């Protein structure tokens, strides 16, 4: 089951599972000690992908004045390479198209996922950088 909820509509358990999944991937698995919680979570829409009451994927959608940003895309290790990443990104695109139809989408992608995001219609902006010693690139998808 996939659903998208605003921060205020999340239950405590849903928020806990989102944060646990993100922390397990970004902080533990990728060995990046950084503050996972930030103020953007409170103004985001959160996508929850659950299977048998287990959080298997998530991302957040943040509206800014001129664009929308998708971030914190996380897929549980056991569910990678099964098409779930593409499925949740397409759900996010549908949501953004319905809620913010004229805004471009910006992502900060890990460079090894460039083809994945290009296949979803994103274009490289020319900006590459290191974040927590992981090569990243900025990409956009036009409305």
N, C-alpha and C. Protein backbone atom coordinates (compact mmCIF):
# COMPACT_ATOMS: atom_id res chain seq x y z
N UNK A 1 0.84 -1.18 0.00
CA UNK A 1 0.00 0.00 0.00
C UNK A 1 0.88 1.25 0.00
N UNK A 2 0.55 2.19 -0.84
CA UNK A 2 1.27 3.45 -0.90
C UNK A 2 0.29 4.58 -0.65
N UNK A 3 0.68 5.49 0.23
CA UNK A 3 -0.14 6.67 0.48
C UNK A 3 0.76 7.85 0.77
N UNK A 4 0.21 9.04 0.57
CA UNK A 4 0.95 10.28 0.82
C UNK A 4 0.15 11.09 1.82
N UNK A 5 0.84 11.53 2.88
CA UNK A 5 0.19 12.29 3.94
C UNK A 5 1.04 13.50 4.31
N UNK A 6 0.35 14.55 4.73
CA UNK A 6 1.07 15.69 5.29
C UNK A 6 1.62 15.28 6.66
N UNK A 7 2.58 16.03 7.14
CA UNK A 7 3.17 15.76 8.45
C UNK A 7 2.08 15.68 9.53
N UNK A 8 1.13 16.62 9.49
CA UNK A 8 0.11 16.67 10.52
C UNK A 8 -0.84 15.48 10.48
N UNK A 9 -0.92 14.79 9.35
CA UNK A 9 -1.82 13.64 9.22
C UNK A 9 -1.13 12.31 9.57
N UNK A 10 0.18 12.34 9.76
CA UNK A 10 0.90 11.11 10.12
C UNK A 10 0.59 10.72 11.56
N UNK A 11 0.43 9.44 11.78
CA UNK A 11 0.31 8.97 13.16
C UNK A 11 1.72 8.94 13.76
N UNK A 12 1.77 8.85 15.08
CA UNK A 12 3.08 8.74 15.74
C UNK A 12 3.82 7.50 15.26
N UNK A 13 3.11 6.40 15.10
CA UNK A 13 3.75 5.16 14.64
C UNK A 13 4.26 5.28 13.20
N UNK A 14 3.50 5.94 12.33
CA UNK A 14 3.96 6.13 10.95
C UNK A 14 5.22 6.99 10.91
N UNK A 15 5.22 8.09 11.67
CA UNK A 15 6.41 8.94 11.71
C UNK A 15 7.60 8.16 12.25
N UNK A 16 7.39 7.40 13.29
CA UNK A 16 8.46 6.58 13.87
C UNK A 16 9.04 5.64 12.82
N UNK A 17 8.18 4.95 12.06
CA UNK A 17 8.65 3.99 11.06
C UNK A 17 9.37 4.68 9.91
N UNK A 18 8.90 5.84 9.50
CA UNK A 18 9.61 6.62 8.47
C UNK A 18 11.00 6.97 8.95
N UNK A 19 11.09 7.50 10.16
CA UNK A 19 12.39 7.93 10.69
C UNK A 19 13.31 6.74 10.94
N UNK A 20 12.75 5.63 11.37
CA UNK A 20 13.58 4.45 11.57
C UNK A 20 14.17 3.97 10.23
N UNK A 21 13.34 3.90 9.19
CA UNK A 21 13.82 3.46 7.88
C UNK A 21 14.89 4.40 7.35
N UNK A 22 14.64 5.69 7.41
CA UNK A 22 15.62 6.66 6.91
C UNK A 22 16.92 6.59 7.70
N UNK A 23 16.83 6.50 9.01
CA UNK A 23 18.04 6.42 9.84
C UNK A 23 18.81 5.15 9.55
N UNK A 24 18.11 4.02 9.44
CA UNK A 24 18.79 2.76 9.14
C UNK A 24 19.54 2.82 7.81
N UNK A 25 18.98 3.50 6.84
CA UNK A 25 19.64 3.58 5.53
C UNK A 25 20.71 4.67 5.50
N UNK A 26 20.32 5.90 5.78
CA UNK A 26 21.23 7.02 5.57
C UNK A 26 22.31 7.15 6.64
N UNK A 27 21.99 6.86 7.87
CA UNK A 27 22.96 7.03 8.96
C UNK A 27 23.74 5.74 9.19
N UNK A 28 23.04 4.60 9.32
CA UNK A 28 23.70 3.34 9.66
C UNK A 28 24.31 2.67 8.43
N UNK A 29 23.47 2.32 7.45
CA UNK A 29 23.95 1.59 6.27
C UNK A 29 24.98 2.38 5.47
N UNK A 30 24.72 3.67 5.25
CA UNK A 30 25.64 4.48 4.46
C UNK A 30 26.71 5.15 5.32
N UNK A 31 26.68 4.89 6.61
CA UNK A 31 27.69 5.38 7.54
C UNK A 31 27.87 6.89 7.44
N UNK A 32 26.77 7.61 7.51
CA UNK A 32 26.80 9.07 7.43
C UNK A 32 26.19 9.67 8.69
N UNK A 33 27.02 9.90 9.69
CA UNK A 33 26.47 10.49 10.92
C UNK A 33 26.10 11.96 10.69
N UNK A 34 24.82 12.20 10.53
CA UNK A 34 24.33 13.56 10.34
C UNK A 34 22.95 13.65 10.99
N UNK A 35 22.49 14.86 11.25
CA UNK A 35 21.18 14.99 11.87
C UNK A 35 20.07 14.66 10.87
N UNK A 36 19.49 13.50 11.02
CA UNK A 36 18.44 13.04 10.09
C UNK A 36 17.17 13.89 10.21
N UNK A 37 16.86 14.35 11.38
CA UNK A 37 15.68 15.19 11.58
C UNK A 37 16.00 16.64 11.26
N UNK A 38 15.11 17.26 10.50
CA UNK A 38 15.25 18.68 10.25
C UNK A 38 13.85 19.30 10.17
N UNK A 39 13.79 20.60 10.08
CA UNK A 39 12.50 21.28 10.09
C UNK A 39 11.69 21.04 8.82
N UNK A 40 12.32 20.54 7.76
CA UNK A 40 11.58 20.29 6.52
C UNK A 40 10.54 19.18 6.69
N UNK A 41 10.79 18.24 7.58
CA UNK A 41 9.81 17.18 7.78
C UNK A 41 8.44 17.74 8.17
N UNK A 42 8.43 18.82 8.93
CA UNK A 42 7.18 19.39 9.40
C UNK A 42 6.37 20.07 8.29
N UNK A 43 7.03 20.45 7.19
CA UNK A 43 6.31 21.11 6.09
C UNK A 43 6.21 20.21 4.86
N UNK A 44 6.54 18.95 5.03
CA UNK A 44 6.56 18.00 3.91
C UNK A 44 5.28 17.17 3.83
N UNK A 45 5.09 16.63 2.65
CA UNK A 45 4.18 15.51 2.46
C UNK A 45 5.07 14.27 2.44
N UNK A 46 4.65 13.24 3.12
CA UNK A 46 5.46 12.03 3.25
C UNK A 46 4.79 10.87 2.53
N UNK A 47 5.54 10.20 1.69
CA UNK A 47 5.04 9.00 1.03
C UNK A 47 5.42 7.81 1.89
N UNK A 48 4.44 6.97 2.13
CA UNK A 48 4.64 5.75 2.92
C UNK A 48 4.33 4.55 2.03
N UNK A 49 5.28 3.67 1.86
CA UNK A 49 5.05 2.42 1.14
C UNK A 49 5.17 1.30 2.17
N UNK A 50 4.06 0.59 2.37
CA UNK A 50 4.03 -0.45 3.39
C UNK A 50 3.62 -1.78 2.78
N UNK A 51 4.20 -2.83 3.30
CA UNK A 51 3.82 -4.18 2.92
C UNK A 51 3.68 -4.98 4.20
N UNK A 52 2.50 -5.56 4.41
CA UNK A 52 2.22 -6.34 5.61
C UNK A 52 2.61 -5.57 6.87
N UNK A 53 2.17 -4.32 6.95
CA UNK A 53 2.41 -3.44 8.09
C UNK A 53 3.88 -3.15 8.34
N UNK A 54 4.72 -3.31 7.33
CA UNK A 54 6.15 -2.98 7.45
C UNK A 54 6.46 -1.84 6.48
N UNK A 55 7.13 -0.80 6.98
CA UNK A 55 7.53 0.32 6.14
C UNK A 55 8.67 -0.14 5.23
N UNK A 56 8.42 -0.15 3.92
CA UNK A 56 9.41 -0.65 2.97
C UNK A 56 9.97 0.45 2.08
N UNK A 57 9.33 1.62 2.08
CA UNK A 57 9.83 2.73 1.29
C UNK A 57 9.22 4.03 1.74
N UNK A 58 9.93 5.10 1.51
CA UNK A 58 9.43 6.42 1.87
C UNK A 58 10.17 7.49 1.07
N UNK A 59 9.59 8.65 1.01
CA UNK A 59 10.23 9.85 0.49
C UNK A 59 9.44 11.02 1.02
N UNK A 60 10.01 12.21 0.87
CA UNK A 60 9.26 13.39 1.28
C UNK A 60 9.21 14.38 0.13
N UNK A 61 8.13 15.15 0.11
CA UNK A 61 7.86 16.13 -0.93
C UNK A 61 7.71 17.48 -0.24
N UNK A 62 8.52 18.45 -0.66
CA UNK A 62 8.51 19.76 -0.04
C UNK A 62 8.23 20.81 -1.09
N UNK A 63 7.19 21.60 -0.88
CA UNK A 63 6.87 22.69 -1.80
C UNK A 63 7.64 23.93 -1.40
N UNK A 64 8.31 24.52 -2.38
CA UNK A 64 8.96 25.82 -2.23
C UNK A 64 8.25 26.80 -3.17
N UNK A 65 8.65 28.05 -3.14
CA UNK A 65 7.96 29.07 -3.93
C UNK A 65 7.94 28.73 -5.42
N UNK A 66 9.08 28.35 -5.99
CA UNK A 66 9.17 28.15 -7.43
C UNK A 66 9.31 26.70 -7.86
N UNK A 67 9.40 25.78 -6.92
CA UNK A 67 9.63 24.38 -7.28
C UNK A 67 9.21 23.48 -6.13
N UNK A 68 9.26 22.19 -6.41
CA UNK A 68 8.99 21.16 -5.41
C UNK A 68 10.24 20.29 -5.33
N UNK A 69 10.59 19.91 -4.13
CA UNK A 69 11.76 19.06 -3.97
C UNK A 69 11.32 17.69 -3.42
N UNK A 70 11.85 16.65 -4.05
CA UNK A 70 11.68 15.30 -3.52
C UNK A 70 13.00 14.92 -2.85
N UNK A 71 12.91 14.42 -1.64
CA UNK A 71 14.13 14.05 -0.92
C UNK A 71 13.89 12.87 0.00
N UNK A 72 14.98 12.44 0.61
CA UNK A 72 14.95 11.32 1.56
C UNK A 72 14.27 10.08 0.97
N UNK A 73 14.57 9.81 -0.31
CA UNK A 73 14.03 8.61 -0.96
C UNK A 73 14.75 7.41 -0.36
N UNK A 74 14.00 6.52 0.26
CA UNK A 74 14.59 5.39 0.96
C UNK A 74 13.78 4.13 0.70
N UNK A 75 14.48 3.07 0.33
CA UNK A 75 13.86 1.76 0.11
C UNK A 75 14.53 0.76 1.04
N UNK A 76 13.72 0.03 1.78
CA UNK A 76 14.23 -1.01 2.68
C UNK A 76 15.11 -1.97 1.87
N UNK A 77 16.22 -2.37 2.46
CA UNK A 77 17.21 -3.21 1.78
C UNK A 77 16.60 -4.46 1.14
N UNK A 78 15.67 -5.09 1.80
CA UNK A 78 15.05 -6.32 1.28
C UNK A 78 14.16 -6.08 0.06
N UNK A 79 13.82 -4.82 -0.22
CA UNK A 79 12.88 -4.51 -1.30
C UNK A 79 13.53 -3.74 -2.45
N UNK A 80 14.83 -3.65 -2.47
CA UNK A 80 15.53 -3.00 -3.58
C UNK A 80 15.61 -3.94 -4.78
N UNK A 81 15.75 -3.36 -5.94
CA UNK A 81 15.85 -4.11 -7.21
C UNK A 81 14.54 -4.81 -7.57
N UNK A 82 13.43 -4.39 -6.96
CA UNK A 82 12.12 -5.00 -7.25
C UNK A 82 11.16 -4.00 -7.92
N UNK A 83 11.66 -2.81 -8.24
CA UNK A 83 10.84 -1.80 -8.89
C UNK A 83 10.11 -0.86 -7.94
N UNK A 84 10.33 -1.01 -6.64
CA UNK A 84 9.63 -0.16 -5.68
C UNK A 84 10.09 1.30 -5.77
N UNK A 85 11.37 1.53 -6.00
CA UNK A 85 11.86 2.90 -6.13
C UNK A 85 11.16 3.64 -7.25
N UNK A 86 11.05 2.99 -8.39
CA UNK A 86 10.35 3.60 -9.53
C UNK A 86 8.88 3.83 -9.19
N UNK A 87 8.27 2.86 -8.55
CA UNK A 87 6.86 2.96 -8.21
C UNK A 87 6.58 4.15 -7.28
N UNK A 88 7.40 4.33 -6.26
CA UNK A 88 7.13 5.45 -5.34
C UNK A 88 7.45 6.79 -5.99
N UNK A 89 8.46 6.83 -6.87
CA UNK A 89 8.74 8.08 -7.57
C UNK A 89 7.58 8.45 -8.50
N UNK A 90 7.01 7.48 -9.19
CA UNK A 90 5.88 7.77 -10.06
C UNK A 90 4.67 8.22 -9.25
N UNK A 91 4.46 7.64 -8.09
CA UNK A 91 3.38 8.10 -7.20
C UNK A 91 3.62 9.55 -6.77
N UNK A 92 4.88 9.86 -6.44
CA UNK A 92 5.22 11.23 -6.05
C UNK A 92 4.98 12.19 -7.22
N UNK A 93 5.36 11.79 -8.43
CA UNK A 93 5.13 12.64 -9.60
C UNK A 93 3.64 12.90 -9.81
N UNK A 94 2.82 11.87 -9.68
CA UNK A 94 1.37 12.04 -9.83
C UNK A 94 0.82 13.01 -8.79
N UNK A 95 1.28 12.87 -7.55
CA UNK A 95 0.84 13.77 -6.48
C UNK A 95 1.24 15.20 -6.79
N UNK A 96 2.49 15.40 -7.19
CA UNK A 96 2.99 16.75 -7.48
C UNK A 96 2.23 17.35 -8.66
N UNK A 97 2.00 16.54 -9.68
CA UNK A 97 1.26 17.04 -10.85
C UNK A 97 -0.14 17.49 -10.46
N UNK A 98 -0.78 16.79 -9.54
CA UNK A 98 -2.14 17.17 -9.12
C UNK A 98 -2.14 18.36 -8.15
N UNK A 99 -1.13 18.45 -7.29
CA UNK A 99 -1.11 19.50 -6.26
C UNK A 99 -0.34 20.76 -6.67
N UNK A 100 0.70 20.58 -7.45
CA UNK A 100 1.59 21.70 -7.84
C UNK A 100 1.91 21.60 -9.33
N UNK A 101 0.90 21.69 -10.21
CA UNK A 101 1.07 21.32 -11.61
C UNK A 101 2.08 22.14 -12.42
N UNK A 102 2.36 23.34 -12.03
CA UNK A 102 3.24 24.19 -12.83
C UNK A 102 4.67 24.26 -12.30
N UNK A 103 4.97 23.48 -11.27
CA UNK A 103 6.29 23.58 -10.64
C UNK A 103 7.20 22.45 -11.08
N UNK A 104 8.48 22.81 -11.29
CA UNK A 104 9.48 21.78 -11.58
C UNK A 104 9.83 21.05 -10.30
N UNK A 105 10.42 19.87 -10.48
CA UNK A 105 10.84 19.04 -9.35
C UNK A 105 12.36 19.03 -9.31
N UNK A 106 12.90 19.22 -8.14
CA UNK A 106 14.36 19.18 -7.95
C UNK A 106 14.70 18.02 -7.01
N UNK A 107 15.78 17.32 -7.33
CA UNK A 107 16.28 16.27 -6.45
C UNK A 107 17.78 16.41 -6.30
N UNK A 108 18.30 15.90 -5.21
CA UNK A 108 19.73 15.74 -4.99
C UNK A 108 19.97 14.24 -5.02
N UNK A 109 20.48 13.76 -6.15
CA UNK A 109 20.61 12.32 -6.36
C UNK A 109 22.02 11.84 -6.10
N UNK A 110 22.14 10.68 -5.51
CA UNK A 110 23.45 10.05 -5.44
C UNK A 110 23.84 9.69 -6.87
N UNK A 111 25.10 9.97 -7.23
CA UNK A 111 25.51 9.85 -8.63
C UNK A 111 25.31 8.45 -9.21
N UNK A 112 25.44 7.41 -8.41
CA UNK A 112 25.29 6.08 -8.97
C UNK A 112 23.85 5.81 -9.43
N UNK A 113 22.90 6.67 -9.04
CA UNK A 113 21.50 6.53 -9.45
C UNK A 113 21.12 7.44 -10.63
N UNK A 114 22.12 8.00 -11.29
CA UNK A 114 21.85 8.95 -12.39
C UNK A 114 20.94 8.34 -13.45
N UNK A 115 21.23 7.14 -13.93
CA UNK A 115 20.41 6.52 -14.98
C UNK A 115 18.98 6.30 -14.49
N UNK A 116 18.82 5.85 -13.27
CA UNK A 116 17.49 5.64 -12.69
C UNK A 116 16.66 6.92 -12.79
N UNK A 117 17.24 8.05 -12.37
CA UNK A 117 16.50 9.30 -12.39
C UNK A 117 16.34 9.85 -13.81
N UNK A 118 17.33 9.68 -14.67
CA UNK A 118 17.18 10.09 -16.07
C UNK A 118 16.02 9.35 -16.73
N UNK A 119 15.91 8.06 -16.44
CA UNK A 119 14.82 7.27 -16.99
C UNK A 119 13.45 7.76 -16.52
N UNK A 120 13.42 8.48 -15.40
CA UNK A 120 12.17 9.05 -14.87
C UNK A 120 11.94 10.49 -15.37
N UNK A 121 12.81 10.97 -16.27
CA UNK A 121 12.63 12.29 -16.86
C UNK A 121 13.43 13.42 -16.25
N UNK A 122 14.35 13.10 -15.36
CA UNK A 122 15.17 14.14 -14.75
C UNK A 122 16.37 14.47 -15.62
N UNK A 123 16.80 15.72 -15.52
CA UNK A 123 17.97 16.20 -16.26
C UNK A 123 19.00 16.73 -15.27
N UNK A 124 20.26 16.46 -15.55
CA UNK A 124 21.38 16.92 -14.73
C UNK A 124 21.52 18.43 -14.90
N UNK A 125 21.65 19.16 -13.80
CA UNK A 125 21.77 20.62 -13.85
C UNK A 125 23.21 21.09 -14.06
N UNK A 126 24.17 20.19 -13.93
CA UNK A 126 25.57 20.57 -14.03
C UNK A 126 26.25 20.71 -12.68
N UNK A 127 25.48 20.59 -11.61
CA UNK A 127 26.03 20.74 -10.27
C UNK A 127 26.28 19.37 -9.65
N UNK A 128 27.55 19.06 -9.37
CA UNK A 128 27.94 17.84 -8.65
C UNK A 128 28.62 18.26 -7.36
N UNK A 129 28.48 17.47 -6.32
CA UNK A 129 29.06 17.81 -5.04
C UNK A 129 29.15 16.56 -4.17
N UNK A 130 29.94 16.67 -3.12
CA UNK A 130 30.03 15.60 -2.13
C UNK A 130 29.13 15.96 -0.95
N UNK A 131 28.34 15.00 -0.54
CA UNK A 131 27.55 15.16 0.67
C UNK A 131 27.82 13.95 1.54
N UNK A 132 28.41 14.18 2.70
CA UNK A 132 28.81 13.10 3.60
C UNK A 132 29.72 12.09 2.87
N UNK A 133 30.63 12.63 2.06
CA UNK A 133 31.60 11.83 1.28
C UNK A 133 30.95 10.92 0.25
N UNK A 134 29.71 11.19 -0.13
CA UNK A 134 29.02 10.44 -1.18
C UNK A 134 28.79 11.39 -2.35
N UNK A 135 29.25 11.02 -3.56
CA UNK A 135 29.03 11.89 -4.72
C UNK A 135 27.54 12.05 -5.04
N UNK A 136 27.12 13.29 -5.16
CA UNK A 136 25.73 13.63 -5.47
C UNK A 136 25.68 14.54 -6.70
N UNK A 137 24.51 14.62 -7.27
CA UNK A 137 24.28 15.53 -8.38
C UNK A 137 22.88 16.12 -8.27
N UNK A 138 22.76 17.36 -8.70
CA UNK A 138 21.47 18.02 -8.68
C UNK A 138 20.78 17.75 -10.02
N UNK A 139 19.50 17.40 -9.95
CA UNK A 139 18.72 17.10 -11.15
C UNK A 139 17.36 17.76 -11.04
N UNK A 140 16.78 18.07 -12.22
CA UNK A 140 15.44 18.65 -12.24
C UNK A 140 14.57 17.92 -13.25
N UNK A 141 13.27 17.99 -12.98
CA UNK A 141 12.26 17.46 -13.90
C UNK A 141 11.28 18.59 -14.15
N UNK A 142 11.13 18.97 -15.40
CA UNK A 142 10.24 20.09 -15.73
C UNK A 142 8.79 19.62 -15.76
N UNK A 143 7.87 20.54 -15.46
CA UNK A 143 6.44 20.16 -15.43
C UNK A 143 5.93 19.73 -16.80
